[in-house]
Each structure stands twice: as structure tokens, then as C-alpha cells.
């Protein structure tokens, strides 16, 4: 029985988030990920609070809600191949270190990314 796809909830306003989701969508040949905004209907059905969580990526793996570095590791594993290896190596590091690194990038994400409209997911990739 194939595993259920991961539900990936992204901030629709952030160019880095949208660019990362577009990068993942191009490599999602196995269909292991479904993308949606963290404020949409899919997020509500998944159990997200109203307005979503704009400060982090959220991945639902079945009934497990993954955020920050755990969400990124789940996405890398879902890609398979060398990316799964990178996720496994990251799994050897303390979660506190990985979350610290994630938080540093998230805190500065609006500084080093362009306009969000440049990297939007195609309607084909977005569940809403």
C-alpha cells in the first residue's frame, strides 16, 4: 500500500517559501506531496488554526503535524534518491541545531528573496 501524500502548507506571501515549494513541485514526480497555502481550505481541513501559521512551513504526514526542520527532513525524504540521503544525514544532528538554523533563515527570508509573484506555484501544483 503506497504511503499517503504529504500535505505541504506554505505561506503564500513569501517568495522564499513559494520558490522552495516550486522547487519541490518540480521534483515531485512520484506525487508524494500536495501543496496548499496555510490559510486556505486544505489547511482548515487538515486542522490548522484560522489564518494558518505564517512563521513556518507545515507538513502533515497523516495525522502528524511537522514544522521547521522536521518538516524539511520529511520533504527531503519524500523526494527520494540523494535528497533522502541528505535528510537522513540531517537526522543525525540534534533537532535543536537544525531548528536554530531553520529559524535563522526564516527570520531573514524577506531580506534575500525577490517578489513573491516571481516564484508562485502553478495552479496545477497548488491544491486550492
C-alpha atoms as a PDB file:
ATOM      1  CA  UNK A   1       0.000   0.000   0.000  1.00  0.00           C
ATOM      2  CA  UNK A   2       1.545   3.339  -1.034  1.00  0.00           C
ATOM      3  CA  UNK A   3       2.054   5.962   1.646  1.00  0.00           C
ATOM      4  CA  UNK A   4      -0.372   8.861   1.806  1.00  0.00           C
ATOM      5  CA  UNK A   5       0.980  12.053   0.251  1.00  0.00           C
ATOM      6  CA  UNK A   6       2.409  14.750   2.459  1.00  0.00           C
ATOM      7  CA  UNK A   7       0.285  17.899   2.700  1.00  0.00           C
ATOM      8  CA  UNK A   8       2.660  20.850   2.447  1.00  0.00           C
ATOM      9  CA  UNK A   9       1.259  24.152   3.714  1.00  0.00           C
ATOM     10  CA  UNK A  10       3.209  27.218   2.647  1.00  0.00           C
ATOM     11  CA  UNK A  11       2.987  30.938   3.246  1.00  0.00           C
ATOM     12  CA  UNK A  12       1.530  32.363   0.053  1.00  0.00           C
ATOM     13  CA  UNK A  13       3.196  35.740   0.677  1.00  0.00           C
ATOM     14  CA  UNK A  14       6.860  34.754   0.974  1.00  0.00           C
ATOM     15  CA  UNK A  15       9.000  34.435  -2.156  1.00  0.00           C
ATOM     16  CA  UNK A  16      11.400  32.007  -0.443  1.00  0.00           C
ATOM     17  CA  UNK A  17       8.503  29.778   0.646  1.00  0.00           C
ATOM     18  CA  UNK A  18       6.911  29.872  -2.796  1.00  0.00           C
ATOM     19  CA  UNK A  19      10.242  29.313  -4.520  1.00  0.00           C
ATOM     20  CA  UNK A  20      11.025  26.357  -2.279  1.00  0.00           C
ATOM     21  CA  UNK A  21       7.592  24.875  -2.924  1.00  0.00           C
ATOM     22  CA  UNK A  22       8.026  25.348  -6.686  1.00  0.00           C
ATOM     23  CA  UNK A  23      11.444  23.640  -6.459  1.00  0.00           C
ATOM     24  CA  UNK A  24       9.877  20.722  -4.571  1.00  0.00           C
ATOM     25  CA  UNK A  25       6.941  20.529  -7.016  1.00  0.00           C
ATOM     26  CA  UNK A  26       9.320  20.186  -9.985  1.00  0.00           C
ATOM     27  CA  UNK A  27      10.914  17.180  -8.250  1.00  0.00           C
ATOM     28  CA  UNK A  28       7.637  15.646  -7.056  1.00  0.00           C
ATOM     29  CA  UNK A  29       7.424  13.106  -9.871  1.00  0.00           C
ATOM     30  CA  UNK A  30       6.186  10.373  -7.526  1.00  0.00           C
ATOM     31  CA  UNK A  31       3.317  12.574  -6.350  1.00  0.00           C
ATOM     32  CA  UNK A  32       4.310  12.285  -2.685  1.00  0.00           C
ATOM     33  CA  UNK A  33       3.448  15.940  -1.942  1.00  0.00           C
ATOM     34  CA  UNK A  34       0.330  18.067  -2.195  1.00  0.00           C
ATOM     35  CA  UNK A  35       0.851  21.830  -1.878  1.00  0.00           C
ATOM     36  CA  UNK A  36      -1.589  24.348  -0.436  1.00  0.00           C
ATOM     37  CA  UNK A  37      -1.490  27.742   1.239  1.00  0.00           C
ATOM     38  CA  UNK A  38      -1.508  27.817   5.006  1.00  0.00           C
ATOM     39  CA  UNK A  39      -4.648  29.991   5.032  1.00  0.00           C
ATOM     40  CA  UNK A  40      -6.804  28.008   2.603  1.00  0.00           C
ATOM     41  CA  UNK A  41      -9.459  25.358   2.772  1.00  0.00           C
ATOM     42  CA  UNK A  42      -6.978  22.470   2.734  1.00  0.00           C
ATOM     43  CA  UNK A  43      -5.242  23.954   5.804  1.00  0.00           C
ATOM     44  CA  UNK A  44      -8.568  24.226   7.639  1.00  0.00           C
ATOM     45  CA  UNK A  45      -9.474  20.632   6.830  1.00  0.00           C
ATOM     46  CA  UNK A  46      -6.017  19.487   7.981  1.00  0.00           C
ATOM     47  CA  UNK A  47      -6.593  21.152  11.352  1.00  0.00           C
ATOM     48  CA  UNK A  48      -4.634  24.384  11.093  1.00  0.00           C
ATOM     49  CA  UNK A  49      -5.774  27.381  13.152  1.00  0.00           C
ATOM     50  CA  UNK A  50      -7.650  30.146  11.334  1.00  0.00           C
ATOM     51  CA  UNK A  51      -5.134  32.240   9.415  1.00  0.00           C
ATOM     52  CA  UNK A  52      -2.583  29.426   9.373  1.00  0.00           C
ATOM     53  CA  UNK A  53       0.928  29.557  10.783  1.00  0.00           C
ATOM     54  CA  UNK A  54       2.762  32.237   8.778  1.00  0.00           C
ATOM     55  CA  UNK A  55       6.097  31.754  10.542  1.00  0.00           C
ATOM     56  CA  UNK A  56       6.987  28.240   9.431  1.00  0.00           C
ATOM     57  CA  UNK A  57       6.411  25.535   6.877  1.00  0.00           C
ATOM     58  CA  UNK A  58       3.866  22.963   7.997  1.00  0.00           C
ATOM     59  CA  UNK A  59       3.789  19.405   6.675  1.00  0.00           C
ATOM     60  CA  UNK A  60       1.027  16.990   7.562  1.00  0.00           C
ATOM     61  CA  UNK A  61       2.203  13.385   7.366  1.00  0.00           C
ATOM     62  CA  UNK A  62      -1.014  11.518   8.012  1.00  0.00           C
ATOM     63  CA  UNK A  63      -2.116  12.804  11.423  1.00  0.00           C
ATOM     64  CA  UNK A  64       1.354  14.069  12.386  1.00  0.00           C
ATOM     65  CA  UNK A  65       1.950  17.823  12.136  1.00  0.00           C
ATOM     66  CA  UNK A  66       5.591  18.555  11.334  1.00  0.00           C
ATOM     67  CA  UNK A  67       7.123  22.024  11.449  1.00  0.00           C
ATOM     68  CA  UNK A  68      10.506  23.638  10.894  1.00  0.00           C
ATOM     69  CA  UNK A  69      13.413  21.230  10.437  1.00  0.00           C
ATOM     70  CA  UNK A  70      11.280  18.109  10.884  1.00  0.00           C
ATOM     71  CA  UNK A  71       9.062  19.283   8.023  1.00  0.00           C
ATOM     72  CA  UNK A  72      12.081  19.916   5.791  1.00  0.00           C
ATOM     73  CA  UNK A  73      13.516  16.472   6.596  1.00  0.00           C
ATOM     74  CA  UNK A  74      10.178  14.819   5.724  1.00  0.00           C
ATOM     75  CA  UNK A  75      10.121  16.653   2.385  1.00  0.00           C
ATOM     76  CA  UNK A  76      13.698  15.643   1.542  1.00  0.00           C
ATOM     77  CA  UNK A  77      12.898  12.031   2.397  1.00  0.00           C
ATOM     78  CA  UNK A  78       9.793  12.150   0.188  1.00  0.00           C
ATOM     79  CA  UNK A  79      11.917  13.293  -2.767  1.00  0.00           C
ATOM     80  CA  UNK A  80      13.971  10.109  -2.520  1.00  0.00           C
ATOM     81  CA  UNK A  81      17.403   9.491  -4.002  1.00  0.00           C
ATOM     82  CA  UNK A  82      20.215  11.752  -2.898  1.00  0.00           C
ATOM     83  CA  UNK A  83      17.783  14.132  -1.199  1.00  0.00           C
ATOM     84  CA  UNK A  84      16.608  11.331   1.100  1.00  0.00           C
ATOM     85  CA  UNK A  85      20.258  10.750   1.976  1.00  0.00           C
ATOM     86  CA  UNK A  86      20.650  14.446   2.859  1.00  0.00           C
ATOM     87  CA  UNK A  87      17.560  14.148   5.076  1.00  0.00           C
ATOM     88  CA  UNK A  88      18.994  11.056   6.763  1.00  0.00           C
ATOM     89  CA  UNK A  89      22.299  12.812   7.434  1.00  0.00           C
ATOM     90  CA  UNK A  90      20.405  15.790   8.870  1.00  0.00           C
ATOM     91  CA  UNK A  91      18.582  13.318  11.099  1.00  0.00           C
ATOM     92  CA  UNK A  92      21.902  12.554  12.790  1.00  0.00           C
ATOM     93  CA  UNK A  93      22.150  16.145  14.022  1.00  0.00           C
ATOM     94  CA  UNK A  94      20.302  17.415  17.108  1.00  0.00           C
ATOM     95  CA  UNK A  95      16.872  18.822  16.278  1.00  0.00           C
ATOM     96  CA  UNK A  96      17.676  21.929  18.334  1.00  0.00           C
ATOM     97  CA  UNK A  97      20.592  22.728  15.983  1.00  0.00           C
ATOM     98  CA  UNK A  98      18.511  22.152  12.875  1.00  0.00           C
ATOM     99  CA  UNK A  99      15.634  24.252  14.228  1.00  0.00           C
ATOM    100  CA  UNK A 100      18.076  27.040  15.133  1.00  0.00           C
ATOM    101  CA  UNK A 101      19.400  27.067  11.550  1.00  0.00           C
ATOM    102  CA  UNK A 102      15.832  26.978  10.188  1.00  0.00           C
ATOM    103  CA  UNK A 103      14.824  29.894  12.432  1.00  0.00           C
ATOM    104  CA  UNK A 104      17.801  31.979  11.292  1.00  0.00           C
ATOM    105  CA  UNK A 105      16.814  31.575   7.638  1.00  0.00           C
ATOM    106  CA  UNK A 106      13.105  32.092   8.387  1.00  0.00           C
ATOM    107  CA  UNK A 107      13.801  35.288  10.319  1.00  0.00           C
ATOM    108  CA  UNK A 108      15.670  36.761   7.330  1.00  0.00           C
ATOM    109  CA  UNK A 109      13.660  35.243   4.478  1.00  0.00           C
ATOM    110  CA  UNK A 110      12.143  38.524   3.312  1.00  0.00           C
ATOM    111  CA  UNK A 111      15.583  40.138   3.010  1.00  0.00           C
ATOM    112  CA  UNK A 112      17.143  37.818   0.473  1.00  0.00           C
ATOM    113  CA  UNK A 113      14.249  36.796  -1.717  1.00  0.00           C
ATOM    114  CA  UNK A 114      12.567  38.674  -4.515  1.00  0.00           C
ATOM    115  CA  UNK A 115       8.895  39.416  -5.043  1.00  0.00           C
ATOM    116  CA  UNK A 116       6.603  36.513  -4.183  1.00  0.00           C
ATOM    117  CA  UNK A 117       4.878  36.797  -7.556  1.00  0.00           C
ATOM    118  CA  UNK A 118       8.069  35.681  -9.313  1.00  0.00           C
ATOM    119  CA  UNK A 119       8.032  32.191  -7.878  1.00  0.00           C
ATOM    120  CA  UNK A 120       4.396  31.226  -7.464  1.00  0.00           C
ATOM    121  CA  UNK A 121       3.402  27.624  -7.876  1.00  0.00           C
ATOM    122  CA  UNK A 122       1.433  26.825 -10.973  1.00  0.00           C
ATOM    123  CA  UNK A 123      -2.301  26.187 -10.454  1.00  0.00           C
ATOM    124  CA  UNK A 124      -1.538  22.591 -11.466  1.00  0.00           C
ATOM    125  CA  UNK A 125       0.651  22.155  -8.361  1.00  0.00           C
ATOM    126  CA  UNK A 126      -1.473  24.048  -5.850  1.00  0.00           C
ATOM    127  CA  UNK A 127      -4.377  22.182  -4.228  1.00  0.00           C
ATOM    128  CA  UNK A 128      -6.509  25.300  -3.886  1.00  0.00           C
END
